[in-house]
């Protein structure tokens, strides 16, 4: 989860991490960023969104994901998103 899915999605696209179906990034829907043919993706969404088939709502938590293109996606404790080289 990120505060601004459109802004973060565009940063990911600038770093060659594309929306899997080449759709426009949205703050209102789930955005699947990654490689569709390999079934590998990161879900990009706004906080407060209710998960499908669940009563739980999305929230932002710290995380770090290292990608095979030598990029690292990070969300820190202050909910800031960064893309770094590994």
Protein backbone atom coordinates (compact mmCIF):
# COMPACT_ATOMS: atom_id res chain seq x y z
CA UNK A 1 0.00 0.00 0.00
CA UNK A 2 1.14 3.51 -0.77
CA UNK A 3 -0.30 6.97 -0.22
CA UNK A 4 -0.44 7.82 -3.95
CA UNK A 5 -0.64 4.80 -6.26
CA UNK A 6 -0.54 6.90 -9.45
CA UNK A 7 2.63 8.76 -8.46
CA UNK A 8 4.37 5.61 -7.19
CA UNK A 9 3.20 3.61 -10.22
CA UNK A 10 4.71 6.22 -12.54
CA UNK A 11 8.00 6.05 -10.59
CA UNK A 12 7.97 2.29 -11.00
CA UNK A 13 7.33 2.62 -14.75
CA UNK A 14 10.30 5.04 -15.01
CA UNK A 15 12.36 2.23 -13.44
CA UNK A 16 11.10 -0.34 -15.98
CA UNK A 17 8.57 -1.95 -13.64
CA UNK A 18 5.42 -1.88 -15.77
CA UNK A 19 1.72 -2.45 -15.14
CA UNK A 20 1.24 -6.08 -16.22
CA UNK A 21 -1.67 -5.39 -18.61
CA UNK A 22 -0.33 -2.00 -19.77
CA UNK A 23 -3.30 -0.27 -18.12
CA UNK A 24 -3.27 3.25 -16.72
CA UNK A 25 -2.32 3.39 -13.02
CA UNK A 26 -5.32 4.22 -10.81
CA UNK A 27 -5.86 5.38 -7.23
CA UNK A 28 -9.24 3.59 -7.24
CA UNK A 29 -8.31 0.05 -8.32
CA UNK A 30 -5.65 -2.57 -7.73
CA UNK A 31 -2.62 -2.06 -9.97
CA UNK A 32 -0.63 -5.18 -10.81
CA UNK A 33 2.97 -4.15 -11.47
CA UNK A 34 5.15 -6.87 -12.97
CA UNK A 35 5.46 -9.60 -15.58
CA UNK A 36 2.14 -11.24 -16.44
CA UNK A 37 3.65 -14.15 -18.39
CA UNK A 38 5.72 -15.17 -15.36
CA UNK A 39 2.93 -14.57 -12.85
CA UNK A 40 5.19 -12.22 -10.91
CA UNK A 41 3.76 -8.93 -9.71
CA UNK A 42 3.47 -6.40 -6.90
CA UNK A 43 -0.01 -5.11 -6.07
CA UNK A 44 -0.04 -1.34 -5.82
CA UNK A 45 -3.10 0.19 -4.09
CA UNK A 46 -4.28 3.01 -1.86
CA UNK A 47 -4.68 2.48 1.91
CA UNK A 48 -8.19 1.89 3.22
CA UNK A 49 -9.25 -0.29 0.30
CA UNK A 50 -11.28 -3.35 1.28
CA UNK A 51 -9.65 -6.57 0.11
CA UNK A 52 -11.68 -8.80 -2.19
CA UNK A 53 -13.49 -11.63 -0.39
CA UNK A 54 -12.45 -10.22 2.99
CA UNK A 55 -13.58 -7.87 5.74
CA UNK A 56 -10.04 -6.50 6.09
CA UNK A 57 -8.90 -3.10 4.85
CA UNK A 58 -5.52 -2.30 3.36
CA UNK A 59 -2.92 -0.33 5.33
CA UNK A 60 0.64 0.84 4.77
CA UNK A 61 3.42 -1.11 6.50
CA UNK A 62 7.21 -0.99 6.12
CA UNK A 63 8.54 -3.42 3.55
CA UNK A 64 11.48 -4.10 1.27
CA UNK A 65 11.33 -6.09 -1.97
CA UNK A 66 14.47 -6.86 -3.97
CA UNK A 67 13.75 -7.37 -7.68
CA UNK A 68 15.78 -9.35 -10.20
CA UNK A 69 16.57 -6.14 -12.14
CA UNK A 70 18.78 -4.96 -9.24
CA UNK A 71 16.13 -2.57 -7.92
CA UNK A 72 14.82 -2.51 -4.36
CA UNK A 73 11.32 -1.24 -3.56
CA UNK A 74 11.12 0.17 -0.03
CA UNK A 75 8.40 1.60 2.19
CA UNK A 76 9.82 2.95 5.45
CA UNK A 77 8.18 3.46 8.87
CA UNK A 78 7.18 6.98 7.79
CA UNK A 79 5.24 5.46 4.84
CA UNK A 80 7.71 6.91 2.32
CA UNK A 81 8.29 4.92 -0.87
CA UNK A 82 11.71 4.67 -2.52
CA UNK A 83 13.28 2.75 -5.37
CA UNK A 84 16.99 2.08 -4.92
CA UNK A 85 19.67 0.13 -6.72
CA UNK A 86 20.72 -3.04 -4.89
